[in-house]
């Protein structure tokens, strides 16, 4: 019984180290892909990825490595984060009239509630 407990503890330690290393490899591959996207942003995107992300052919190798190093759910999550960040950035940088808080139509007069 003590031997089984020791073996499971040892495998948990190794497993955590392996997970940490694979997570770091995933982050490096992700960062390489997104830096390629930023570097090649002036080129026409021809390849499609998850969640509608488009990228140029020059970034295909880094995308393949990214998808190989990371779990599919992580890839989808990171792609969603990147797209959301880009969408917000585009809204802020796109047009001066679209900056700042959203202005909603308001009534021209304010009537306090009736106090009968």
Protein backbone atom coordinates (compact mmCIF):
# COMPACT_ATOMS: atom_id res chain seq x y z
CA UNK A 1 0.00 0.00 0.00
CA UNK A 2 2.80 2.44 0.89
CA UNK A 3 4.53 1.62 -2.38
CA UNK A 4 1.40 2.51 -4.40
CA UNK A 5 1.06 5.83 -2.56
CA UNK A 6 4.70 6.70 -3.21
CA UNK A 7 4.42 5.78 -6.88
CA UNK A 8 1.33 7.96 -7.38
CA UNK A 9 3.00 10.91 -5.62
CA UNK A 10 6.09 10.56 -7.77
CA UNK A 11 4.04 10.39 -10.98
CA UNK A 12 2.08 13.49 -9.92
CA UNK A 13 5.31 15.43 -9.52
CA UNK A 14 6.61 14.35 -12.93
CA UNK A 15 3.20 15.01 -14.45
CA UNK A 16 3.15 18.57 -13.11
CA UNK A 17 6.63 19.21 -14.54
CA UNK A 18 5.59 17.84 -17.92
CA UNK A 19 2.45 19.98 -17.89
CA UNK A 20 4.48 23.06 -17.01
CA UNK A 21 6.93 22.43 -19.85
CA UNK A 22 4.19 21.78 -22.39
CA UNK A 23 2.33 24.90 -21.26
CA UNK A 24 5.48 26.99 -21.74
CA UNK A 25 6.00 25.43 -25.19
CA UNK A 26 2.40 26.30 -26.03
CA UNK A 27 2.87 29.91 -24.91
CA UNK A 28 6.04 30.25 -26.99
CA UNK A 29 4.33 28.85 -30.09
CA UNK A 30 1.30 31.12 -29.50
CA UNK A 31 3.49 34.19 -29.09
CA UNK A 32 5.47 33.32 -32.23
CA UNK A 33 2.26 33.00 -34.26
CA UNK A 34 0.75 36.26 -33.01
CA UNK A 35 4.02 38.15 -33.51
CA UNK A 36 4.05 36.83 -37.08
CA UNK A 37 0.48 38.11 -37.49
CA UNK A 38 1.54 41.55 -36.28
CA UNK A 39 4.67 41.57 -38.44
CA UNK A 40 2.80 40.47 -41.58
CA UNK A 41 -0.33 42.54 -40.91
CA UNK A 42 0.12 44.50 -44.14
CA UNK A 43 -0.25 41.32 -46.26
CA UNK A 44 -3.59 39.95 -47.38
CA UNK A 45 -4.85 37.18 -45.08
CA UNK A 46 -5.58 34.05 -47.10
CA UNK A 47 -5.66 31.29 -44.49
CA UNK A 48 -8.45 30.77 -41.99
CA UNK A 49 -8.19 29.52 -38.43
CA UNK A 50 -10.64 28.91 -35.62
CA UNK A 51 -13.29 31.48 -34.67
CA UNK A 52 -12.95 33.27 -38.02
CA UNK A 53 -9.36 34.40 -37.55
CA UNK A 54 -7.65 35.06 -40.87
CA UNK A 55 -3.89 35.12 -41.34
CA UNK A 56 -1.40 35.44 -44.22
CA UNK A 57 0.27 32.45 -45.81
CA UNK A 58 3.64 33.57 -44.41
CA UNK A 59 2.40 32.65 -40.91
CA UNK A 60 1.24 29.14 -41.83
CA UNK A 61 4.31 27.39 -40.36
CA UNK A 62 3.99 29.16 -37.03
CA UNK A 63 0.25 28.42 -37.01
CA UNK A 64 0.85 24.70 -37.55
CA UNK A 65 3.40 24.64 -34.73
CA UNK A 66 1.00 26.60 -32.50
CA UNK A 67 -1.82 24.12 -33.16
CA UNK A 68 0.56 21.21 -32.56
CA UNK A 69 1.93 22.56 -29.26
CA UNK A 70 -1.37 23.69 -27.72
CA UNK A 71 -4.59 21.94 -26.87
CA UNK A 72 -7.40 22.70 -29.35
CA UNK A 73 -9.50 24.35 -26.64
CA UNK A 74 -6.57 26.61 -25.75
CA UNK A 75 -6.03 27.55 -29.41
CA UNK A 76 -9.69 28.50 -29.73
CA UNK A 77 -9.55 30.47 -26.47
CA UNK A 78 -6.39 32.38 -27.46
CA UNK A 79 -7.81 33.08 -30.93
CA UNK A 80 -10.99 34.49 -29.39
CA UNK A 81 -8.92 36.70 -27.07
CA UNK A 82 -6.82 37.96 -29.97
CA UNK A 83 -9.88 38.70 -32.12
CA UNK A 84 -11.60 40.54 -29.28
CA UNK A 85 -8.48 42.59 -28.60
CA UNK A 86 -8.16 43.48 -32.28
CA UNK A 87 -11.85 44.39 -32.52
CA UNK A 88 -11.57 46.79 -29.57
CA UNK A 89 -8.33 48.23 -30.94
CA UNK A 90 -9.94 48.75 -34.36
CA UNK A 91 -12.90 50.53 -32.78
CA UNK A 92 -10.60 52.82 -30.82
CA UNK A 93 -8.23 53.54 -33.71
CA UNK A 94 -10.71 53.52 -36.61
CA UNK A 95 -12.61 56.75 -36.36
CA UNK A 96 -12.51 59.70 -34.00
CA UNK A 97 -16.31 59.87 -33.87
CA UNK A 98 -16.50 56.31 -32.56
CA UNK A 99 -14.16 56.91 -29.63
CA UNK A 100 -15.26 57.30 -26.07
CA UNK A 101 -18.44 56.20 -24.35
CA UNK A 102 -21.47 55.22 -26.33
CA UNK A 103 -24.01 58.04 -26.47
CA UNK A 104 -27.58 56.85 -26.29
CA UNK A 105 -30.58 58.93 -27.35
CA UNK A 106 -32.09 60.74 -24.40
CA UNK A 107 -35.39 62.47 -23.85
CA UNK A 108 -35.16 66.23 -24.14
CA UNK A 109 -37.08 66.88 -20.92
CA UNK A 110 -36.98 65.28 -17.55
CA UNK A 111 -40.23 64.86 -15.71
CA UNK A 112 -40.07 63.86 -12.08
CA UNK A 113 -42.48 61.12 -11.06
CA UNK A 114 -45.88 62.26 -9.86
CA UNK A 115 -46.11 62.46 -6.08
CA UNK A 116 -49.91 62.30 -5.64
